[in-house]
Protein backbone atom coordinates (compact mmCIF):
# COMPACT_ATOMS: atom_id res chain seq x y z
CA UNK A 1 8.66 -15.44 23.03
CA UNK A 2 10.53 -13.20 20.24
CA UNK A 3 9.76 -9.41 20.34
CA UNK A 4 7.76 -9.52 17.52
CA UNK A 5 6.01 -12.90 17.66
CA UNK A 6 5.22 -12.65 21.51
CA UNK A 7 1.52 -12.44 20.80
CA UNK A 8 1.31 -15.78 18.88
CA UNK A 9 0.06 -18.25 21.51
CA UNK A 10 0.21 -15.59 23.99
CA UNK A 11 -2.31 -15.08 27.02
CA UNK A 12 -3.99 -11.97 27.19
CA UNK A 13 -5.74 -11.01 30.53
CA UNK A 14 -8.75 -8.74 30.07
CA UNK A 15 -8.90 -5.77 32.76
CA UNK A 16 -12.16 -4.05 32.99
CA UNK A 17 -10.92 -1.04 34.67
CA UNK A 18 -14.12 0.22 36.42
CA UNK A 19 -14.20 -3.03 38.19
CA UNK A 20 -10.29 -4.05 38.83
CA UNK A 21 -9.47 -2.12 41.82
CA UNK A 22 -10.40 1.25 43.15
CA UNK A 23 -7.68 3.35 44.37
CA UNK A 24 -9.45 6.43 45.45
CA UNK A 25 -12.59 4.93 47.13
CA UNK A 26 -15.12 6.58 44.65
CA UNK A 27 -16.41 3.30 44.13
CA UNK A 28 -14.96 3.16 40.39
CA UNK A 29 -11.67 1.09 39.68
CA UNK A 30 -9.04 3.46 37.86
CA UNK A 31 -5.62 3.15 36.22
CA UNK A 32 -4.11 3.44 39.95
CA UNK A 33 -5.76 0.45 40.86
CA UNK A 34 -4.55 -1.50 38.09
CA UNK A 35 -0.89 -0.45 38.72
CA UNK A 36 -1.28 -1.69 42.48
CA UNK A 37 -2.50 -5.06 41.16
CA UNK A 38 -0.11 -5.66 38.31
CA UNK A 39 2.42 -7.57 40.42
CA UNK A 40 -0.89 -9.79 41.15
CA UNK A 41 -1.46 -9.87 37.47
CA UNK A 42 2.03 -10.81 36.54
CA UNK A 43 1.99 -13.54 39.30
CA UNK A 44 -0.81 -15.44 37.00
CA UNK A 45 1.98 -15.90 34.21
CA UNK A 46 0.22 -13.72 31.33
CA UNK A 47 1.73 -12.16 28.70
CA UNK A 48 -0.29 -9.01 28.36
CA UNK A 49 -3.25 -7.02 29.52
CA UNK A 50 -5.99 -5.87 27.38
CA UNK A 51 -7.40 -2.77 29.16
CA UNK A 52 -11.01 -1.79 28.36
CA UNK A 53 -11.70 2.03 27.51
CA UNK A 54 -10.24 4.50 29.76
CA UNK A 55 -10.58 7.40 27.44
CA UNK A 56 -12.78 10.39 28.18
CA UNK A 57 -16.38 9.77 27.77
CA UNK A 58 -19.99 10.69 29.23
CA UNK A 59 -20.04 6.53 29.74
CA UNK A 60 -23.57 5.99 28.35
CA UNK A 61 -21.96 2.95 27.37
CA UNK A 62 -19.04 2.52 29.88
CA UNK A 63 -16.04 4.01 27.58
CA UNK A 64 -17.40 2.84 24.37
CA UNK A 65 -18.53 5.82 23.98
CA UNK A 66 -15.45 7.90 23.27
CA UNK A 67 -15.52 11.81 23.48
CA UNK A 68 -11.63 12.33 23.35
CA UNK A 69 -9.74 9.30 22.09
CA UNK A 70 -6.31 11.17 23.51
CA UNK A 71 -7.26 11.91 26.76
CA UNK A 72 -7.87 9.87 30.20
CA UNK A 73 -11.33 10.21 31.72
CA UNK A 74 -10.94 11.92 35.13
CA UNK A 75 -12.70 9.05 36.43
CA UNK A 76 -9.84 6.80 35.82
CA UNK A 77 -6.78 9.21 36.61
CA UNK A 78 -4.53 11.00 34.42
CA UNK A 79 -1.96 10.70 31.69
CA UNK A 80 0.95 10.72 34.27
CA UNK A 81 -1.14 7.44 35.63
CA UNK A 82 -1.17 5.76 32.26
CA UNK A 83 2.69 6.70 31.78
CA UNK A 84 3.20 4.74 35.27
CA UNK A 85 1.09 1.95 34.35
CA UNK A 86 3.10 1.47 31.18
CA UNK A 87 6.24 1.63 32.50
CA UNK A 88 5.65 -0.79 35.62
CA UNK A 89 3.78 -3.31 33.49
CA UNK A 90 7.04 -3.41 30.94
CA UNK A 91 9.37 -3.72 33.73
CA UNK A 92 7.21 -6.99 34.94
CA UNK A 93 7.60 -8.14 31.26
CA UNK A 94 3.97 -7.56 30.68
CA UNK A 95 2.57 -6.13 27.20
CA UNK A 96 -0.32 -3.18 27.20
CA UNK A 97 -3.11 -3.94 24.66
CA UNK A 98 -5.53 -0.95 24.69
CA UNK A 99 -9.26 -0.98 23.41
CA UNK A 100 -9.88 1.23 20.30
CA UNK A 101 -13.14 2.15 19.25
CA UNK A 102 -13.05 3.15 15.71
CA UNK A 103 -16.40 2.52 14.24
CA UNK A 104 -18.33 5.05 16.55
CA UNK A 105 -17.86 8.13 18.93
CA UNK A 106 -20.05 9.63 21.56
CA UNK A 107 -22.15 12.21 20.32
CA UNK A 108 -20.45 14.75 22.59
CA UNK A 109 -17.11 14.31 20.39
CA UNK A 110 -16.03 17.58 18.95
CA UNK A 111 -15.86 15.81 15.75
CA UNK A 112 -19.61 15.20 15.76
CA UNK A 113 -20.64 18.53 17.38
CA UNK A 114 -19.38 19.87 14.36
CA UNK A 115 -20.42 17.71 11.79
CA UNK A 116 -24.04 17.86 13.18
CA UNK A 117 -23.86 21.71 12.71
CA UNK A 118 -24.49 21.41 8.96
CA UNK A 119 -24.04 19.74 5.52
CA UNK A 120 -21.00 22.10 4.69
CA UNK A 121 -18.78 22.49 7.44
CA UNK A 122 -15.33 21.02 7.33
CA UNK A 123 -16.20 17.57 9.28
CA UNK A 124 -19.62 17.39 7.41
CA UNK A 125 -18.65 13.91 5.73
CA UNK A 126 -17.22 12.43 9.09
CA UNK A 127 -20.09 10.71 10.10
CA UNK A 128 -22.71 8.38 8.21
CA UNK A 129 -25.47 10.96 7.22
CA UNK A 130 -28.34 10.03 5.08
CA UNK A 131 -31.43 12.10 3.89
CA UNK A 132 -35.02 11.08 4.67
CA UNK A 133 -37.40 9.09 2.34
CA UNK A 134 -39.86 11.29 0.73
CA UNK A 135 -42.28 10.31 3.71
CA UNK A 136 -39.61 11.79 6.35
CA UNK A 137 -38.86 8.01 7.43
CA UNK A 138 -35.01 6.69 8.00
CA UNK A 139 -33.47 6.10 5.16
CA UNK A 140 -33.97 2.42 5.39
CA UNK A 141 -34.54 -0.82 7.43
CA UNK A 142 -31.73 -0.88 9.52
CA UNK A 143 -31.93 -1.62 13.45
CA UNK A 144 -29.64 -0.96 16.26
CA UNK A 145 -28.12 -3.59 18.44
CA UNK A 146 -29.24 -1.73 21.63
CA UNK A 147 -32.82 -1.85 19.98
CA UNK A 148 -35.01 0.30 17.35
CA UNK A 149 -34.32 2.01 14.58
CA UNK A 150 -30.34 2.79 13.53
CA UNK A 151 -31.32 5.97 12.48
CA UNK A 152 -31.70 9.28 14.67
CA UNK A 153 -32.82 12.54 13.37
CA UNK A 154 -30.61 15.86 13.19
CA UNK A 155 -33.08 18.78 12.92
CA UNK A 156 -30.00 21.32 12.08
CA UNK A 157 -28.95 18.98 8.78
CA UNK A 158 -32.39 17.84 8.19
CA UNK A 159 -30.75 14.24 7.99
CA UNK A 160 -30.52 11.01 9.93
CA UNK A 161 -27.11 9.83 11.33
CA UNK A 162 -26.46 6.15 11.80
CA UNK A 163 -25.80 4.85 14.97
CA UNK A 164 -25.37 0.79 14.93
CA UNK A 165 -25.20 0.93 18.66
CA UNK A 166 -26.79 3.66 21.19
CA UNK A 167 -28.25 6.99 19.44
CA UNK A 168 -25.49 8.74 21.65
CA UNK A 169 -22.70 6.95 19.56
CA UNK A 170 -22.91 8.28 16.04
CA UNK A 171 -21.40 6.02 13.40
CA UNK A 172 -18.18 7.53 11.34
CA UNK A 173 -18.11 7.42 7.91
CA UNK A 174 -14.82 5.53 6.70
CA UNK A 175 -15.78 6.24 3.07
CA UNK A 176 -14.45 9.87 3.92
CA UNK A 177 -10.40 9.83 3.31
CA UNK A 178 -9.89 12.69 5.91
CA UNK A 179 -11.75 10.68 8.56
CA UNK A 180 -9.76 7.57 7.99
CA UNK A 181 -6.15 9.34 8.40
CA UNK A 182 -7.34 11.24 11.70
CA UNK A 183 -8.67 7.91 13.25
CA UNK A 184 -5.30 6.41 12.20
CA UNK A 185 -3.39 9.72 13.66
CA UNK A 186 -5.01 8.86 16.88
CA UNK A 187 -3.80 5.56 17.16
CA UNK A 188 -0.39 6.30 16.46
CA UNK A 189 -0.91 8.86 19.49
CA UNK A 190 -0.99 5.70 21.57
CA UNK A 191 1.91 3.79 19.73
CA UNK A 192 4.10 6.60 20.47
CA UNK A 193 3.07 6.58 24.11
CA UNK A 194 4.31 2.87 24.05
CA UNK A 195 1.71 0.52 24.05
CA UNK A 196 2.09 -3.00 22.53
CA UNK A 197 -1.12 -3.73 20.55
CA UNK A 198 -5.07 -2.51 20.30
CA UNK A 199 -8.03 -4.42 20.86
CA UNK A 200 -10.28 -3.30 18.08
CA UNK A 201 -13.69 -2.99 19.16
CA UNK A 202 -16.60 -3.45 16.33
CA UNK A 203 -14.18 -3.60 13.45
CA UNK A 204 -16.66 -4.94 11.43
CA UNK A 205 -18.82 -1.63 11.82
CA UNK A 206 -16.31 0.61 10.33
CA UNK A 207 -18.06 0.79 6.71
CA UNK A 208 -21.85 1.17 5.55
CA UNK A 209 -23.05 0.46 2.49
CA UNK A 210 -23.06 3.69 0.52
CA UNK A 211 -26.38 2.95 -1.57
CA UNK A 212 -27.82 2.37 1.86
CA UNK A 213 -29.68 -0.89 0.75
CA UNK A 214 -32.12 -2.63 2.99
CA UNK A 215 -31.02 -5.68 5.22
CA UNK A 216 -32.90 -8.77 4.09
CA UNK A 217 -35.10 -10.29 6.56
CA UNK A 218 -33.84 -13.53 8.45
CA UNK A 219 -36.10 -16.73 8.76
CA UNK A 220 -37.04 -17.23 12.55
CA UNK A 221 -35.37 -20.60 12.79
CA UNK A 222 -32.27 -18.72 12.03
CA UNK A 223 -32.41 -16.07 14.79
CA UNK A 224 -29.81 -16.55 17.10
CA UNK A 225 -26.54 -15.08 18.38
CA UNK A 226 -24.99 -13.53 21.18
CA UNK A 227 -27.68 -11.27 22.75
CA UNK A 228 -29.34 -11.49 19.45
CA UNK A 229 -32.12 -13.93 20.09
CA UNK A 230 -35.87 -13.43 18.95
CA UNK A 231 -36.46 -11.39 21.84
CA UNK A 232 -34.03 -8.57 20.19
CA UNK A 233 -35.40 -7.24 16.46
CA UNK A 234 -31.82 -7.22 15.50
CA UNK A 235 -31.56 -10.95 14.89
CA UNK A 236 -34.43 -10.55 12.44
CA UNK A 237 -32.13 -9.24 9.95
CA UNK A 238 -29.38 -10.16 7.77
CA UNK A 239 -26.63 -7.66 8.24
CA UNK A 240 -25.48 -7.52 4.89
CA UNK A 241 -25.21 -3.77 4.68
CA UNK A 242 -24.56 -1.84 8.08
CA UNK A 243 -21.33 -3.95 8.83
CA UNK A 244 -18.63 -6.25 7.42
CA UNK A 245 -18.43 -4.36 3.95
CA UNK A 246 -15.92 -5.41 1.82
CA UNK A 247 -13.93 -2.02 1.90
CA UNK A 248 -12.95 -3.06 5.67
CA UNK A 249 -9.95 -4.88 4.32
CA UNK A 250 -8.76 -2.06 2.60
CA UNK A 251 -8.76 0.39 6.02
CA UNK A 252 -7.32 -2.55 7.77
CA UNK A 253 -4.10 -2.97 5.73
CA UNK A 254 -3.85 0.58 6.16
CA UNK A 255 -4.01 0.14 9.93
CA UNK A 256 -1.58 -2.45 9.67
CA UNK A 257 1.00 -0.42 7.41
CA UNK A 258 0.79 1.98 10.50
CA UNK A 259 1.23 -0.74 13.16
CA UNK A 260 4.55 -2.35 11.28
CA UNK A 261 6.39 0.96 11.65
CA UNK A 262 6.18 -0.14 15.54
CA UNK A 263 7.74 -3.45 15.87
CA UNK A 264 5.98 -5.56 18.28
CA UNK A 265 2.91 -3.79 18.21
CA UNK A 266 -0.29 -5.90 17.75
CA UNK A 267 -3.65 -5.85 16.36
CA UNK A 268 -6.69 -8.02 17.68
CA UNK A 269 -10.06 -7.70 16.09
CA UNK A 270 -13.27 -8.48 17.51
CA UNK A 271 -15.19 -9.80 14.69
CA UNK A 272 -19.13 -10.04 14.70
CA UNK A 273 -20.61 -10.72 11.24
CA UNK A 274 -22.84 -13.07 9.79
CA UNK A 275 -20.19 -15.68 9.41
CA UNK A 276 -17.89 -14.49 11.83
CA UNK A 277 -15.37 -17.39 11.23
CA UNK A 278 -15.23 -16.66 7.67
CA UNK A 279 -14.70 -12.87 8.71
CA UNK A 280 -11.95 -13.89 11.15
CA UNK A 281 -10.33 -15.71 8.27
CA UNK A 282 -10.24 -13.00 5.89
CA UNK A 283 -9.31 -10.25 8.41
CA UNK A 284 -6.22 -12.35 9.18
CA UNK A 285 -4.50 -13.45 5.93
CA UNK A 286 -1.30 -12.61 5.05
CA UNK A 287 1.21 -10.32 6.80
CA UNK A 288 -0.72 -7.01 5.80
CA UNK A 289 -3.88 -7.48 7.87
CA UNK A 290 -4.84 -8.12 11.34
CA UNK A 291 -2.34 -10.28 13.53
CA UNK A 292 -5.26 -11.96 15.28
CA UNK A 293 -8.99 -11.91 15.86
CA UNK A 294 -11.57 -13.24 17.56
CA UNK A 295 -15.28 -14.03 17.53
CA UNK A 296 -18.10 -14.80 19.98
CA UNK A 297 -18.51 -18.39 18.82
CA UNK A 298 -17.38 -19.54 22.43
CA UNK A 299 -19.00 -17.12 23.67
CA UNK A 300 -22.73 -18.71 23.41
CA UNK A 301 -24.63 -20.94 25.25
CA UNK A 302 -23.55 -23.89 23.19
CA UNK A 303 -21.52 -25.90 25.51
CA UNK A 304 -20.47 -29.33 24.01
CA UNK A 305 -17.16 -31.26 22.74
CA UNK A 306 -18.99 -31.11 19.47
CA UNK A 307 -19.67 -27.84 19.15
CA UNK A 308 -16.27 -26.80 20.57
CA UNK A 309 -14.40 -29.10 18.11
CA UNK A 310 -16.82 -28.20 15.21
CA UNK A 311 -16.12 -24.21 15.94
CA UNK A 312 -12.25 -24.43 15.97
CA UNK A 313 -11.95 -27.15 12.67
CA UNK A 314 -14.18 -24.55 10.78
CA UNK A 315 -12.03 -22.08 11.67
CA UNK A 316 -8.86 -23.96 11.09
CA UNK A 317 -10.03 -25.03 7.68
CA UNK A 318 -10.30 -21.57 6.34
CA UNK A 319 -7.51 -19.35 8.26
CA UNK A 320 -4.65 -20.57 6.49
CA UNK A 321 -1.71 -18.48 7.72
CA UNK A 322 -3.99 -16.54 9.75
CA UNK A 323 -3.98 -16.52 13.50
CA UNK A 324 -7.05 -17.00 15.90
CA UNK A 325 -7.57 -15.62 19.35
CA UNK A 326 -10.20 -17.73 21.38
CA UNK A 327 -12.19 -16.61 24.62
CA UNK A 328 -14.79 -18.14 26.40
CA UNK A 329 -15.76 -14.81 28.74
CA UNK A 330 -15.49 -10.97 28.72
CA UNK A 331 -17.25 -8.06 29.56
CA UNK A 332 -20.07 -8.91 27.39
CA UNK A 333 -21.43 -12.11 28.04
CA UNK A 334 -22.46 -14.06 31.00
CA UNK A 335 -19.87 -15.47 32.94
CA UNK A 336 -18.55 -18.84 32.00
CA UNK A 337 -18.79 -20.10 35.06
CA UNK A 338 -22.39 -19.99 35.08
CA UNK A 339 -23.31 -19.95 31.20
CA UNK A 340 -21.65 -23.29 30.86
CA UNK A 341 -21.88 -24.55 34.31
CA UNK A 342 -25.81 -24.34 33.89
CA UNK A 343 -25.85 -22.48 37.34
CA UNK A 344 -24.17 -24.91 39.37
CA UNK A 345 -20.74 -23.77 40.96
CA UNK A 346 -18.18 -26.54 40.46
CA UNK A 347 -14.72 -25.53 40.75
CA UNK A 348 -13.53 -28.79 38.63
CA UNK A 349 -15.54 -27.77 35.74
CA UNK A 350 -13.40 -24.19 36.16
CA UNK A 351 -10.29 -25.40 36.38
CA UNK A 352 -11.12 -27.99 32.97
CA UNK A 353 -12.64 -24.71 31.20
CA UNK A 354 -9.58 -22.54 31.67
CA UNK A 355 -7.22 -25.54 31.02
CA UNK A 356 -9.18 -26.07 27.77
CA UNK A 357 -9.38 -22.31 26.71
CA UNK A 358 -5.35 -22.38 27.09
CA UNK A 359 -4.78 -25.64 25.27
CA UNK A 360 -6.44 -24.25 22.01
CA UNK A 361 -4.28 -23.34 19.24
CA UNK A 362 -4.05 -19.72 19.01
CA UNK A 363 -3.81 -16.23 21.17
CA UNK A 364 -5.97 -16.39 24.22
CA UNK A 365 -8.02 -13.83 26.23
CA UNK A 366 -8.94 -14.76 29.63
CA UNK A 367 -11.43 -12.35 31.57
CA UNK A 368 -10.36 -10.97 34.84
CA UNK A 369 -12.27 -13.07 37.42
CA UNK A 370 -11.98 -16.30 35.64
CA UNK A 371 -8.79 -17.23 37.70
CA UNK A 372 -10.97 -17.19 40.54
CA UNK A 373 -14.18 -18.91 38.63
CA UNK A 374 -16.10 -16.13 39.22
CA UNK A 375 -20.24 -16.81 38.64
CA UNK A 376 -22.69 -14.69 37.00
CA UNK A 377 -23.48 -11.76 39.78
CA UNK A 378 -27.57 -11.63 40.50
CA UNK A 379 -28.25 -7.84 39.60
CA UNK A 380 -31.72 -6.40 40.44
CA UNK A 381 -33.18 -3.96 37.70
CA UNK A 382 -33.01 -1.03 40.16
CA UNK A 383 -29.38 -1.91 40.36
CA UNK A 384 -28.63 -2.19 36.70
CA UNK A 385 -26.43 0.34 34.87
CA UNK A 386 -26.26 -1.33 31.53
CA UNK A 387 -28.42 0.06 28.78
CA UNK A 388 -28.62 -2.78 26.87
CA UNK A 389 -30.18 -4.65 29.79
CA UNK A 390 -32.57 -1.59 30.82
CA UNK A 391 -33.70 -1.88 27.40
CA UNK A 392 -34.49 -5.72 26.90
CA UNK A 393 -35.14 -6.33 30.69
CA UNK A 394 -36.34 -8.88 31.78
CA UNK A 395 -35.90 -11.09 28.59
CA UNK A 396 -31.95 -10.04 28.59
CA UNK A 397 -30.67 -8.65 31.75
CA UNK A 398 -27.94 -6.99 30.38
CA UNK A 399 -23.89 -7.19 31.01
CA UNK A 400 -23.73 -6.01 34.57
CA UNK A 401 -23.63 -9.33 35.88
CA UNK A 402 -20.05 -9.93 34.45
CA UNK A 403 -19.12 -6.47 35.43
CA UNK A 404 -19.12 -6.50 38.96
CA UNK A 405 -15.94 -5.70 40.99
CA UNK A 406 -13.13 -7.80 41.88
CA UNK A 407 -13.15 -9.59 45.42
CA UNK A 408 -9.95 -9.14 46.37
CA UNK A 409 -10.40 -10.06 50.50
CA UNK A 410 -13.43 -11.89 51.70
CA UNK A 411 -13.66 -9.81 55.02
CA UNK A 412 -12.71 -6.42 54.20
CA UNK A 413 -14.85 -3.63 53.17
CA UNK A 414 -16.49 -4.44 49.54
CA UNK A 415 -14.29 -7.56 49.41
CA UNK A 416 -11.14 -4.99 49.17
CA UNK A 417 -12.19 -3.46 46.03
CA UNK A 418 -13.05 -0.15 47.74
CA UNK A 419 -13.96 1.84 50.81
CA UNK A 420 -16.82 3.38 48.94
CA UNK A 421 -20.02 2.16 47.40
CA UNK A 422 -19.02 0.35 44.12
CA UNK A 423 -20.77 1.26 40.94
CA UNK A 424 -22.21 -2.42 40.93
CA UNK A 425 -23.10 -4.68 43.94
CA UNK A 426 -20.53 -7.19 44.89
CA UNK A 427 -22.53 -10.45 45.98
CA UNK A 428 -21.95 -12.45 48.86
CA UNK A 429 -20.49 -15.60 46.89
CA UNK A 430 -17.86 -13.61 45.26
CA UNK A 431 -16.22 -12.37 48.62
CA UNK A 432 -16.28 -16.43 49.23
CA UNK A 433 -14.52 -16.79 46.04
CA UNK A 434 -11.85 -13.72 46.88
CA UNK A 435 -8.12 -13.57 46.03
CA UNK A 436 -6.84 -13.88 49.47
CA UNK A 437 -9.22 -17.05 50.36
CA UNK A 438 -7.96 -18.92 47.44
CA UNK A 439 -4.24 -17.98 47.84
CA UNK A 440 -4.68 -19.78 50.92
CA UNK A 441 -6.18 -23.31 49.29
CA UNK A 442 -3.43 -25.17 47.27
CA UNK A 443 -6.42 -26.87 45.35
CA UNK A 444 -8.13 -23.27 44.45
CA UNK A 445 -9.06 -22.12 40.87
CA UNK A 446 -6.52 -19.41 41.49
CA UNK A 447 -3.46 -21.95 42.03
CA UNK A 448 -4.62 -24.11 39.13
CA UNK A 449 -4.86 -21.35 36.55
CA UNK A 450 -1.38 -19.92 37.81
CA UNK A 451 0.08 -23.45 37.92
CA UNK A 452 -1.18 -24.33 34.12
CA UNK A 453 0.22 -21.10 32.75
CA UNK A 454 3.59 -21.61 34.40
CA UNK A 455 3.77 -25.20 32.81
CA UNK A 456 2.45 -24.19 29.50
CA UNK A 457 4.95 -21.87 29.04
CA UNK A 458 7.64 -24.93 28.77
CA UNK A 459 5.33 -26.49 26.53
CA UNK A 460 6.09 -24.77 23.00
CA UNK A 461 3.80 -27.31 21.20
CA UNK A 462 0.78 -25.73 23.19
CA UNK A 463 2.12 -22.34 22.05
CA UNK A 464 3.05 -22.56 18.57
CA UNK A 465 1.99 -26.06 17.48
CA UNK A 466 -0.82 -27.29 15.14
CA UNK A 467 -4.06 -29.10 16.32
CA UNK A 468 -5.88 -32.10 15.15
CA UNK A 469 -8.97 -33.17 17.00
CA UNK A 470 -9.59 -37.27 17.59
CA UNK A 471 -12.93 -38.85 17.65
CA UNK A 472 -14.31 -39.69 20.97
CA UNK A 473 -17.20 -40.26 23.39
CA UNK A 474 -19.75 -37.59 23.18
CA UNK A 475 -18.82 -35.85 26.56
CA UNK A 476 -15.02 -35.75 25.56
CA UNK A 477 -13.05 -33.31 23.87
CA UNK A 478 -9.75 -35.16 22.28
CA UNK A 479 -7.34 -33.57 20.54
CA UNK A 480 -3.58 -33.55 19.66
CA UNK A 481 -1.20 -30.57 19.47
CA UNK A 482 2.06 -31.33 17.37
CA UNK A 483 4.71 -29.49 15.75
CA UNK A 484 7.97 -31.37 14.06
CA UNK A 485 9.38 -31.98 17.44
CA UNK A 486 6.57 -33.29 19.54
CA UNK A 487 3.01 -34.29 19.67
CA UNK A 488 0.95 -34.22 22.91
CA UNK A 489 -2.40 -35.90 23.51
CA UNK A 490 -5.03 -33.55 25.28
CA UNK A 491 -8.25 -34.59 26.48
CA UNK A 492 -10.84 -32.89 28.33
CA UNK A 493 -14.00 -34.49 29.90
CA UNK A 494 -16.89 -32.06 29.77
CA UNK A 495 -19.58 -33.93 31.56
CA UNK A 496 -20.42 -34.63 35.53
CA UNK A 497 -19.84 -38.39 35.03
CA UNK A 498 -16.90 -40.31 34.74
CA UNK A 499 -15.84 -40.98 30.75
CA UNK A 500 -13.03 -43.33 28.99
CA UNK A 501 -11.04 -42.56 26.21
CA UNK A 502 -9.66 -45.65 24.03
CA UNK A 503 -6.18 -45.07 22.92
CA UNK A 504 -7.00 -47.37 19.79
CA UNK A 505 -8.81 -44.13 18.43
CA UNK A 506 -5.33 -42.68 18.11
CA UNK A 507 -4.47 -45.03 15.65
CA UNK A 508 -7.32 -43.42 13.40
CA UNK A 509 -5.51 -40.10 13.48
CA UNK A 510 -3.10 -38.87 10.81
CA UNK A 511 0.71 -39.17 11.63
CA UNK A 512 0.18 -41.69 14.78
CA UNK A 513 1.39 -45.35 14.80
CA UNK A 514 -1.23 -47.91 15.01
CA UNK A 515 0.77 -48.72 18.44
CA UNK A 516 0.61 -45.98 20.60
CA UNK A 517 2.70 -45.65 23.44
CA UNK A 518 2.38 -42.58 25.90
CA UNK A 519 5.49 -40.62 27.33
CA UNK A 520 5.67 -38.22 30.19
CA UNK A 521 2.13 -37.73 31.48
CA UNK A 522 1.91 -34.34 32.85
CA UNK A 523 0.49 -33.78 36.45
CA UNK A 524 2.88 -30.63 37.63
CA UNK A 525 0.06 -28.39 36.42
CA UNK A 526 -2.09 -29.60 39.15
CA UNK A 527 -4.95 -30.33 36.37
CA UNK A 528 -4.23 -34.09 35.71
CA UNK A 529 -6.72 -36.53 37.01
CA UNK A 530 -6.97 -39.17 34.83
CA UNK A 531 -5.63 -42.58 34.71
CA UNK A 532 -4.63 -45.57 32.28
CA UNK A 533 -5.18 -49.21 33.03
CA UNK A 534 -4.14 -52.44 31.01
CA UNK A 535 -6.68 -52.07 28.66
CA UNK A 536 -5.28 -49.23 27.11
CA UNK A 537 -8.23 -46.81 28.05
CA UNK A 538 -7.68 -43.58 29.58
CA UNK A 539 -10.34 -42.84 32.52
CA UNK A 540 -11.63 -39.34 32.85
CA UNK A 541 -13.42 -38.54 36.15
CA UNK A 542 -15.83 -35.78 36.18
CA UNK A 543 -14.49 -32.68 34.32
CA UNK A 544 -11.30 -34.10 34.48
CA UNK A 545 -8.40 -33.08 32.15
CA UNK A 546 -5.46 -35.20 30.78
CA UNK A 547 -2.27 -34.45 28.83
CA UNK A 548 0.65 -37.02 27.84
CA UNK A 549 3.35 -37.08 25.22
CA UNK A 550 2.72 -39.17 22.46
CA UNK A 551 5.99 -41.46 21.33
């Protein structure tokens, strides 16, 4: 892929640094641990690594509460370690994308320590402050995602500050021009260090409504979303005023203007809004906003061909020249092998899910451990680290189950992650799925993942082509990927029973002749299990994947 457009259709491997590899045996993964595993990551045939926060932080939200945007937390190493990481990754032709948490800081950040002292200090307006109501109560009805009121009282200012997440994560005031410039300066610091891009955490939360209008109530039948089901009061409101404000687009354009001064650098926005697909389209329009965006639409419990098709088609209908990024797992949601596997461990399902994700139009984020088919780890309440899970236990058990350390060796101490006690437990079943076990098995999820991505690199139509869905039986996700030179039929059986796809259905889609002929049927990626019989039906065994050129 070219220097400037490497990200279009690129595979981005998400590293959660606390849990990849511990180099100094303190039980927490670190930058030297990532460096030690760069050759392994390169062997997966991915294009880039997205590293979750490693900045200085009190770790109340495990790095998403930053106290210094320009320093490495000693837990993870030093700036020299980061320089080494960048250099080695680039030698391996791997791009480095880092998290930027722009909407809020830690309450231990120097900016907030100054801002909270008075209403007249130089940074008084750098955070979202508001006077109480006449009765002393909070300025409005806004709620925090992690539970309770989104406002916290500060006695020194006799005002409340806004926190959309933990009360130790005060929201910055992007209505302040000086603050915006300071944020951009921090971003440029890392561009000068040589990073290739930024994953923009909670980018929809940068601005709040200056009038502080109440959010309207949401009807009970519409209270749904990732972690926001009826057990979380956050689901009781339409969040029109505490995030996704129209001014966000203007800041994104400022950010893009900075990024454009560093050719090849990219932005990936995390979008969470009342209509995330529409926001993804809005934030990626033209060439002066985000390069790409992803949302939580495929990170939910919904798993069906109809839902996946509806989600992708809805975005395709509105995104225009924007560019999507898709993910089915990350550090915030239950592992996909459990979430969509409904508790059953099935390697064929996991292989199919990886192939399905890698075949969608757009760039792809793949979370560490998905190449092994890791399941959600069972975590007891006494073992919980995640404040979200502690607050909402037992209805919501938090995010620790998807954040447990990577298993590298079945028989080594702590599955080869650390010689010390790891920050989260490693379940025995993960040790059985360790890298060294799967390296020895040519039919493993790991080998399937590698082989598919090696094959995909040769299929330009899967990287850059358009997508068109095809009517199929309920269990089958069917689409074609095509460009001016080639068209490919792509089928996935999402069920544990055999399914059939009738080739006559292809004649109903556009630009396909009524007499359909299949060209090469691709088996070299190790996922093909479909067959064609004389009746022009393709037989798809349980969780099968099928790829064929259309002639």
